[in-house]
Amino acid sequence: MTDRKIHTVYLSLGSNLGDKEENLRQAIEKINEMVGAVVRQSSFMTTQPWGFESNNMFVNGAVCCETSLTPHQLLRVTQKIEREMGRTRKSIVMVDGQPQVDYHDRIIDIDILLYDDITVDTPTLKIPHPLMHERDFVMVPLREIWKEQET
C-alpha cells in the first residue's frame, strides 16, 4: 500500500561484476518503473572496493527519484530489483539476531541514502544511511545531484 504522498528519495548504486555501467543503467530503468520517476541521475565513477578485498573495481552512481512508497516498501522494492538482476547475497546478514556486515562482489547494490528529511532506525532499515559520509563513492555522486537541486 502506498501513502499517495510523493516523497523525494536518494539512492546509491554500485556494481563490480559483469558490464558494470549497463548494470547501473538497467537498475535505474527498473527504479524508474518500480519505485518512481527518476528526476536526477549522477555521472558514473569507478572506485576501489570498500570494506573487502576484490580484484574487481566498482562503478558507482546515485539517483534522486520521487515515490509514493513508504520507506519499508522502498526497501522491499530495491531488494526485489537486486534479486531480479541476479544478486543472491546481501551485505548485511543476521547472526544470533544481530546484523553483521559481509561485503562481497555484486552485480548490483542499491542503498537508500535519504528519504525526504525523515529518520528511520529499525534493525532492517536505517535512514539516513549510517555510513554514507564515510564513503566518497556515495558522497561524490550524491553531491552532484544534490547540487543540481539547489540551482
N, C-alpha and C. Protein backbone atom coordinates (compact mmCIF):
# COMPACT_ATOMS: atom_id res chain seq x y z
N MET A 1 0.84 -1.18 0.00
CA MET A 1 0.00 0.00 0.00
C MET A 1 0.89 1.24 0.00
N THR A 2 0.59 2.18 -0.86
CA THR A 2 1.32 3.43 -0.91
C THR A 2 0.58 4.47 -0.08
N ASP A 3 1.27 5.55 0.26
CA ASP A 3 0.62 6.55 1.09
C ASP A 3 0.15 7.76 0.28
N ARG A 4 0.28 7.71 -1.06
CA ARG A 4 -0.20 8.70 -2.01
C ARG A 4 0.57 10.01 -2.00
N LYS A 5 1.28 10.31 -0.94
CA LYS A 5 2.11 11.49 -0.93
C LYS A 5 3.38 11.18 -1.71
N ILE A 6 3.91 12.17 -2.41
CA ILE A 6 5.13 11.97 -3.17
C ILE A 6 6.33 12.35 -2.29
N HIS A 7 7.27 11.43 -2.20
CA HIS A 7 8.47 11.62 -1.39
C HIS A 7 9.69 11.69 -2.29
N THR A 8 10.69 12.43 -1.85
CA THR A 8 11.95 12.52 -2.57
C THR A 8 12.95 11.60 -1.90
N VAL A 9 13.52 10.68 -2.69
CA VAL A 9 14.48 9.73 -2.14
C VAL A 9 15.76 9.77 -2.97
N TYR A 10 16.86 9.52 -2.28
CA TYR A 10 18.17 9.43 -2.93
C TYR A 10 18.69 8.03 -2.72
N LEU A 11 19.12 7.40 -3.82
CA LEU A 11 19.62 6.03 -3.79
C LEU A 11 21.04 6.00 -4.33
N SER A 12 21.86 5.16 -3.73
CA SER A 12 23.22 4.91 -4.20
C SER A 12 23.22 3.59 -4.95
N LEU A 13 23.97 3.55 -6.06
CA LEU A 13 24.04 2.34 -6.89
C LEU A 13 25.49 1.94 -7.07
N GLY A 14 25.74 0.64 -7.05
CA GLY A 14 27.10 0.16 -7.29
C GLY A 14 27.07 -1.22 -7.93
N SER A 15 28.11 -1.48 -8.76
CA SER A 15 28.26 -2.78 -9.40
C SER A 15 29.73 -3.04 -9.62
N ASN A 16 30.17 -4.29 -9.37
CA ASN A 16 31.55 -4.63 -9.69
C ASN A 16 31.67 -5.98 -10.40
N LEU A 17 30.58 -6.44 -11.00
CA LEU A 17 30.60 -7.68 -11.77
C LEU A 17 29.93 -7.46 -13.13
N GLY A 18 30.43 -8.12 -14.16
CA GLY A 18 29.81 -8.05 -15.48
C GLY A 18 30.00 -6.68 -16.11
N ASP A 19 29.04 -6.28 -16.94
CA ASP A 19 29.05 -4.96 -17.58
C ASP A 19 28.50 -3.97 -16.56
N LYS A 20 29.39 -3.39 -15.79
CA LYS A 20 29.00 -2.60 -14.62
C LYS A 20 28.13 -1.39 -14.97
N GLU A 21 28.53 -0.66 -16.02
CA GLU A 21 27.73 0.52 -16.39
C GLU A 21 26.36 0.10 -16.89
N GLU A 22 26.29 -0.99 -17.64
CA GLU A 22 24.98 -1.49 -18.11
C GLU A 22 24.15 -1.96 -16.92
N ASN A 23 24.78 -2.57 -15.93
CA ASN A 23 24.05 -2.97 -14.72
C ASN A 23 23.41 -1.75 -14.05
N LEU A 24 24.17 -0.65 -13.95
CA LEU A 24 23.61 0.55 -13.34
C LEU A 24 22.47 1.11 -14.18
N ARG A 25 22.65 1.13 -15.51
CA ARG A 25 21.58 1.63 -16.38
C ARG A 25 20.31 0.79 -16.23
N GLN A 26 20.46 -0.54 -16.19
CA GLN A 26 19.29 -1.41 -16.01
C GLN A 26 18.62 -1.17 -14.65
N ALA A 27 19.43 -1.00 -13.61
CA ALA A 27 18.87 -0.74 -12.28
C ALA A 27 18.09 0.57 -12.29
N ILE A 28 18.63 1.59 -12.94
CA ILE A 28 17.94 2.89 -13.00
C ILE A 28 16.62 2.76 -13.75
N GLU A 29 16.60 1.98 -14.83
CA GLU A 29 15.34 1.74 -15.55
C GLU A 29 14.32 1.07 -14.64
N LYS A 30 14.77 0.06 -13.90
CA LYS A 30 13.86 -0.66 -13.00
C LYS A 30 13.39 0.25 -11.86
N ILE A 31 14.27 1.09 -11.35
CA ILE A 31 13.88 2.04 -10.31
C ILE A 31 12.80 2.96 -10.85
N ASN A 32 13.00 3.46 -12.07
CA ASN A 32 12.04 4.36 -12.70
C ASN A 32 10.67 3.67 -12.84
N GLU A 33 10.68 2.38 -13.16
CA GLU A 33 9.43 1.62 -13.34
C GLU A 33 8.79 1.21 -12.02
N MET A 34 9.59 0.79 -11.05
CA MET A 34 9.05 0.14 -9.85
C MET A 34 9.02 1.03 -8.61
N VAL A 35 9.87 2.06 -8.58
CA VAL A 35 9.94 2.94 -7.41
C VAL A 35 9.22 4.24 -7.69
N GLY A 36 9.59 4.87 -8.80
CA GLY A 36 9.00 6.15 -9.15
C GLY A 36 9.93 6.89 -10.09
N ALA A 37 9.48 8.03 -10.56
CA ALA A 37 10.21 8.79 -11.57
C ALA A 37 11.61 9.17 -11.09
N VAL A 38 12.62 8.80 -11.88
CA VAL A 38 13.99 9.24 -11.62
C VAL A 38 14.10 10.65 -12.16
N VAL A 39 14.32 11.62 -11.26
CA VAL A 39 14.34 13.03 -11.67
C VAL A 39 15.75 13.58 -11.83
N ARG A 40 16.73 12.93 -11.21
CA ARG A 40 18.13 13.32 -11.38
C ARG A 40 19.00 12.07 -11.29
N GLN A 41 20.07 12.08 -12.07
CA GLN A 41 21.00 10.96 -12.09
C GLN A 41 22.41 11.51 -12.15
N SER A 42 23.28 10.97 -11.32
CA SER A 42 24.69 11.40 -11.33
C SER A 42 25.42 10.75 -12.49
N SER A 43 26.61 11.24 -12.74
CA SER A 43 27.50 10.52 -13.64
C SER A 43 28.02 9.30 -12.89
N PHE A 44 28.63 8.37 -13.62
CA PHE A 44 29.17 7.17 -13.00
C PHE A 44 30.64 7.40 -12.68
N MET A 45 31.12 6.78 -11.62
CA MET A 45 32.53 6.87 -11.25
C MET A 45 33.06 5.48 -10.92
N THR A 46 34.32 5.26 -11.23
CA THR A 46 34.97 3.98 -10.95
C THR A 46 35.73 4.10 -9.64
N THR A 47 35.55 3.11 -8.76
CA THR A 47 36.14 3.17 -7.43
C THR A 47 36.67 1.81 -7.00
N GLN A 48 37.53 1.83 -6.00
CA GLN A 48 38.05 0.62 -5.38
C GLN A 48 36.96 -0.01 -4.51
N PRO A 49 37.00 -1.32 -4.32
CA PRO A 49 36.09 -1.96 -3.35
C PRO A 49 36.29 -1.34 -1.96
N TRP A 50 35.23 -1.28 -1.20
CA TRP A 50 35.26 -0.70 0.14
C TRP A 50 34.79 -1.76 1.12
N GLY A 51 35.59 -2.03 2.12
CA GLY A 51 35.19 -2.95 3.18
C GLY A 51 35.53 -4.41 2.92
N PHE A 52 36.13 -4.71 1.75
CA PHE A 52 36.53 -6.09 1.44
C PHE A 52 37.54 -6.06 0.30
N GLU A 53 38.25 -7.17 0.15
CA GLU A 53 39.26 -7.31 -0.90
C GLU A 53 38.62 -7.90 -2.16
N SER A 54 38.94 -7.29 -3.32
CA SER A 54 38.46 -7.83 -4.60
C SER A 54 39.34 -7.26 -5.70
N ASN A 55 39.52 -8.02 -6.76
CA ASN A 55 40.22 -7.53 -7.94
C ASN A 55 39.30 -6.75 -8.86
N ASN A 56 38.01 -6.73 -8.56
CA ASN A 56 37.02 -6.08 -9.41
C ASN A 56 36.72 -4.67 -8.92
N MET A 57 36.99 -3.68 -9.77
CA MET A 57 36.65 -2.30 -9.46
C MET A 57 35.13 -2.13 -9.50
N PHE A 58 34.64 -1.13 -8.79
CA PHE A 58 33.22 -0.79 -8.80
C PHE A 58 32.95 0.36 -9.76
N VAL A 59 31.75 0.40 -10.27
CA VAL A 59 31.20 1.60 -10.89
C VAL A 59 30.04 2.01 -9.99
N ASN A 60 30.03 3.29 -9.59
CA ASN A 60 29.03 3.80 -8.66
C ASN A 60 28.33 5.01 -9.24
N GLY A 61 27.14 5.25 -8.74
CA GLY A 61 26.37 6.43 -9.11
C GLY A 61 25.27 6.63 -8.09
N ALA A 62 24.46 7.65 -8.34
CA ALA A 62 23.33 7.94 -7.45
C ALA A 62 22.18 8.49 -8.28
N VAL A 63 20.98 8.27 -7.77
CA VAL A 63 19.79 8.83 -8.40
C VAL A 63 18.91 9.48 -7.33
N CYS A 64 18.14 10.44 -7.80
CA CYS A 64 17.07 11.03 -6.99
C CYS A 64 15.78 10.66 -7.68
N CYS A 65 14.83 10.15 -6.92
CA CYS A 65 13.55 9.82 -7.53
C CYS A 65 12.41 10.24 -6.61
N GLU A 66 11.24 10.30 -7.21
CA GLU A 66 10.03 10.63 -6.49
C GLU A 66 9.20 9.36 -6.38
N THR A 67 8.71 9.10 -5.17
CA THR A 67 7.99 7.85 -4.95
C THR A 67 6.83 8.07 -3.99
N SER A 68 5.84 7.20 -4.11
CA SER A 68 4.75 7.19 -3.12
C SER A 68 4.92 6.02 -2.16
N LEU A 69 6.02 5.27 -2.32
CA LEU A 69 6.28 4.14 -1.42
C LEU A 69 6.71 4.63 -0.04
N THR A 70 6.36 3.86 0.97
CA THR A 70 6.86 4.14 2.32
C THR A 70 8.33 3.68 2.37
N PRO A 71 9.08 4.07 3.40
CA PRO A 71 10.48 3.63 3.48
C PRO A 71 10.65 2.11 3.43
N HIS A 72 9.84 1.36 4.16
CA HIS A 72 10.00 -0.10 4.16
C HIS A 72 9.55 -0.72 2.84
N GLN A 73 8.53 -0.14 2.19
CA GLN A 73 8.15 -0.60 0.86
C GLN A 73 9.30 -0.35 -0.12
N LEU A 74 9.92 0.81 0.00
CA LEU A 74 11.05 1.16 -0.86
C LEU A 74 12.18 0.14 -0.68
N LEU A 75 12.47 -0.23 0.56
CA LEU A 75 13.50 -1.23 0.81
C LEU A 75 13.14 -2.55 0.13
N ARG A 76 11.90 -3.00 0.28
CA ARG A 76 11.49 -4.27 -0.34
C ARG A 76 11.62 -4.20 -1.87
N VAL A 77 11.24 -3.09 -2.46
CA VAL A 77 11.30 -2.96 -3.92
C VAL A 77 12.75 -2.92 -4.40
N THR A 78 13.62 -2.18 -3.71
CA THR A 78 15.03 -2.14 -4.14
C THR A 78 15.68 -3.51 -3.99
N GLN A 79 15.32 -4.24 -2.96
CA GLN A 79 15.85 -5.60 -2.80
C GLN A 79 15.31 -6.52 -3.89
N LYS A 80 14.07 -6.31 -4.29
CA LYS A 80 13.49 -7.10 -5.39
C LYS A 80 14.25 -6.82 -6.69
N ILE A 81 14.55 -5.57 -6.95
CA ILE A 81 15.31 -5.21 -8.15
C ILE A 81 16.67 -5.90 -8.12
N GLU A 82 17.35 -5.87 -6.97
CA GLU A 82 18.64 -6.54 -6.84
C GLU A 82 18.51 -8.04 -7.16
N ARG A 83 17.49 -8.68 -6.62
CA ARG A 83 17.29 -10.11 -6.88
C ARG A 83 16.99 -10.37 -8.35
N GLU A 84 16.13 -9.55 -8.95
CA GLU A 84 15.78 -9.71 -10.37
C GLU A 84 17.01 -9.58 -11.27
N MET A 85 17.96 -8.78 -10.83
CA MET A 85 19.17 -8.58 -11.62
C MET A 85 20.24 -9.63 -11.32
N GLY A 86 19.96 -10.54 -10.40
CA GLY A 86 20.88 -11.64 -10.16
C GLY A 86 21.65 -11.60 -8.86
N ARG A 87 21.37 -10.64 -8.01
CA ARG A 87 22.07 -10.61 -6.72
C ARG A 87 21.48 -11.67 -5.81
N THR A 88 22.34 -12.51 -5.26
CA THR A 88 21.86 -13.61 -4.43
C THR A 88 22.25 -13.47 -2.96
N ARG A 89 23.24 -12.63 -2.67
CA ARG A 89 23.69 -12.45 -1.28
C ARG A 89 23.56 -10.99 -0.89
N LYS A 90 23.15 -10.75 0.32
CA LYS A 90 23.10 -9.40 0.85
C LYS A 90 24.35 -9.13 1.67
N SER A 91 24.69 -7.86 1.83
CA SER A 91 25.86 -7.47 2.60
C SER A 91 25.62 -7.53 4.10
N ILE A 92 24.37 -7.43 4.50
CA ILE A 92 24.05 -7.50 5.92
C ILE A 92 23.36 -8.84 6.16
N VAL A 93 23.94 -9.63 7.04
CA VAL A 93 23.35 -10.92 7.40
C VAL A 93 23.08 -10.93 8.90
N MET A 94 22.13 -11.72 9.31
CA MET A 94 21.79 -11.79 10.73
C MET A 94 22.56 -12.95 11.37
N VAL A 95 23.25 -12.67 12.45
CA VAL A 95 23.97 -13.67 13.23
C VAL A 95 23.51 -13.54 14.67
N ASP A 96 22.89 -14.59 15.17
CA ASP A 96 22.33 -14.56 16.53
C ASP A 96 21.43 -13.35 16.75
N GLY A 97 20.62 -13.06 15.73
CA GLY A 97 19.67 -11.96 15.85
C GLY A 97 20.26 -10.58 15.69
N GLN A 98 21.56 -10.49 15.39
CA GLN A 98 22.22 -9.20 15.23
C GLN A 98 22.72 -9.04 13.80
N PRO A 99 22.57 -7.83 13.22
CA PRO A 99 23.06 -7.63 11.85
C PRO A 99 24.59 -7.60 11.82
N GLN A 100 25.17 -8.33 10.85
CA GLN A 100 26.62 -8.36 10.66
C GLN A 100 26.93 -8.02 9.20
N VAL A 101 28.04 -7.34 8.96
CA VAL A 101 28.43 -6.95 7.61
C VAL A 101 29.20 -8.09 6.94
N ASP A 102 28.83 -8.38 5.70
CA ASP A 102 29.50 -9.40 4.90
C ASP A 102 29.60 -8.88 3.47
N TYR A 103 30.54 -7.97 3.21
CA TYR A 103 30.68 -7.38 1.88
C TYR A 103 31.29 -8.38 0.92
N HIS A 104 30.89 -8.30 -0.35
CA HIS A 104 31.36 -9.21 -1.38
C HIS A 104 31.09 -8.60 -2.75
N ASP A 105 31.66 -9.22 -3.80
CA ASP A 105 31.38 -8.79 -5.17
C ASP A 105 29.88 -8.88 -5.43
N ARG A 106 29.37 -7.96 -6.28
CA ARG A 106 27.94 -8.00 -6.56
C ARG A 106 27.61 -7.37 -7.91
N ILE A 107 26.58 -7.92 -8.52
CA ILE A 107 26.09 -7.41 -9.80
C ILE A 107 25.51 -6.03 -9.60
N ILE A 108 24.74 -5.87 -8.54
CA ILE A 108 24.12 -4.57 -8.26
C ILE A 108 23.92 -4.42 -6.76
N ASP A 109 24.09 -3.21 -6.31
CA ASP A 109 23.82 -2.86 -4.91
C ASP A 109 23.05 -1.56 -4.95
N ILE A 110 21.92 -1.52 -4.29
CA ILE A 110 21.10 -0.30 -4.21
C ILE A 110 20.91 0.01 -2.73
N ASP A 111 21.38 1.16 -2.31
CA ASP A 111 21.22 1.59 -0.92
C ASP A 111 20.35 2.83 -0.85
N ILE A 112 19.47 2.86 0.12
CA ILE A 112 18.65 4.04 0.38
C ILE A 112 19.50 4.99 1.21
N LEU A 113 19.75 6.18 0.68
CA LEU A 113 20.56 7.16 1.39
C LEU A 113 19.69 8.12 2.20
N LEU A 114 18.72 8.72 1.54
CA LEU A 114 17.86 9.73 2.16
C LEU A 114 16.42 9.53 1.69
N TYR A 115 15.50 9.84 2.56
CA TYR A 115 14.06 9.76 2.25
C TYR A 115 13.45 11.00 2.86
N ASP A 116 13.07 11.96 2.00
CA ASP A 116 12.64 13.27 2.48
C ASP A 116 13.66 13.73 3.54
N ASP A 117 13.17 14.20 4.67
CA ASP A 117 14.08 14.60 5.75
C ASP A 117 13.83 13.75 7.00
N ILE A 118 13.33 12.53 6.79
CA ILE A 118 12.99 11.70 7.94
C ILE A 118 14.16 10.83 8.37
N THR A 119 14.05 10.33 9.59
CA THR A 119 15.00 9.36 10.13
C THR A 119 14.25 8.08 10.41
N VAL A 120 14.83 6.96 9.97
CA VAL A 120 14.30 5.63 10.27
C VAL A 120 15.42 4.85 10.93
N ASP A 121 15.13 4.22 12.05
CA ASP A 121 16.14 3.43 12.75
C ASP A 121 15.51 2.13 13.25
N THR A 122 15.50 1.14 12.36
CA THR A 122 14.98 -0.18 12.71
C THR A 122 16.10 -1.18 12.44
N PRO A 123 15.95 -2.42 12.90
CA PRO A 123 17.00 -3.41 12.63
C PRO A 123 17.24 -3.65 11.13
N THR A 124 16.22 -3.47 10.30
CA THR A 124 16.36 -3.76 8.87
C THR A 124 16.57 -2.52 8.00
N LEU A 125 16.35 -1.33 8.54
CA LEU A 125 16.44 -0.12 7.73
C LEU A 125 16.89 1.06 8.58
N LYS A 126 17.91 1.74 8.06
CA LYS A 126 18.41 2.95 8.73
C LYS A 126 18.51 4.06 7.68
N ILE A 127 17.78 5.14 7.91
CA ILE A 127 17.79 6.32 7.05
C ILE A 127 17.97 7.53 7.95
N PRO A 128 18.89 8.44 7.63
CA PRO A 128 19.85 8.40 6.55
C PRO A 128 20.80 7.21 6.68
N HIS A 129 21.37 6.81 5.54
CA HIS A 129 22.30 5.68 5.54
C HIS A 129 23.43 6.00 6.50
N PRO A 130 23.70 5.13 7.50
CA PRO A 130 24.64 5.47 8.57
C PRO A 130 26.10 5.60 8.13
N LEU A 131 26.50 5.00 7.03
CA LEU A 131 27.91 5.06 6.61
C LEU A 131 28.15 5.94 5.39
N MET A 132 27.12 6.63 4.90
CA MET A 132 27.29 7.35 3.64
C MET A 132 28.38 8.42 3.72
N HIS A 133 28.52 9.09 4.85
CA HIS A 133 29.52 10.16 4.96
C HIS A 133 30.96 9.64 4.98
N GLU A 134 31.13 8.33 5.20
CA GLU A 134 32.47 7.73 5.20
C GLU A 134 32.88 7.25 3.81
N ARG A 135 31.99 7.35 2.84
CA ARG A 135 32.22 6.74 1.53
C ARG A 135 32.18 7.79 0.42
N ASP A 136 33.34 8.09 -0.15
CA ASP A 136 33.38 9.03 -1.28
C ASP A 136 32.57 8.52 -2.45
N PHE A 137 32.55 7.20 -2.66
CA PHE A 137 31.80 6.65 -3.79
C PHE A 137 30.30 6.86 -3.63
N VAL A 138 29.85 7.22 -2.45
CA VAL A 138 28.46 7.59 -2.22
C VAL A 138 28.31 9.11 -2.25
N MET A 139 29.18 9.80 -1.55
CA MET A 139 29.02 11.24 -1.38
C MET A 139 29.30 12.05 -2.65
N VAL A 140 30.27 11.64 -3.46
CA VAL A 140 30.57 12.40 -4.68
C VAL A 140 29.36 12.39 -5.63
N PRO A 141 28.80 11.22 -5.96
CA PRO A 141 27.61 11.25 -6.82
C PRO A 141 26.40 11.93 -6.16
N LEU A 142 26.25 11.75 -4.85
CA LEU A 142 25.13 12.39 -4.15
C LEU A 142 25.25 13.90 -4.22
N ARG A 143 26.44 14.43 -3.98
CA ARG A 143 26.62 15.89 -4.05
C ARG A 143 26.35 16.41 -5.46
N GLU A 144 26.70 15.62 -6.46
CA GLU A 144 26.46 16.03 -7.85
C GLU A 144 24.98 16.27 -8.11
N ILE A 145 24.12 15.36 -7.68
CA ILE A 145 22.70 15.53 -7.96
C ILE A 145 22.01 16.41 -6.91
N TRP A 146 22.56 16.46 -5.71
CA TRP A 146 22.01 17.35 -4.69
C TRP A 146 22.24 18.80 -5.10
N LYS A 147 23.42 19.07 -5.63
CA LYS A 147 23.78 20.41 -6.10
C LYS A 147 22.83 20.88 -7.20
N GLU A 148 22.47 19.95 -8.10
CA GLU A 148 21.54 20.30 -9.18
C GLU A 148 20.21 20.77 -8.62
N GLN A 149 19.80 20.19 -7.48
CA GLN A 149 18.52 20.55 -6.88
C GLN A 149 18.53 22.00 -6.42
N GLU A 150 19.66 22.48 -5.97
CA GLU A 150 19.74 23.81 -5.38
C GLU A 150 19.87 24.91 -6.42
N THR A 151 20.12 24.58 -7.69
CA THR A 151 20.30 25.61 -8.71
C THR A 151 19.02 25.99 -9.36
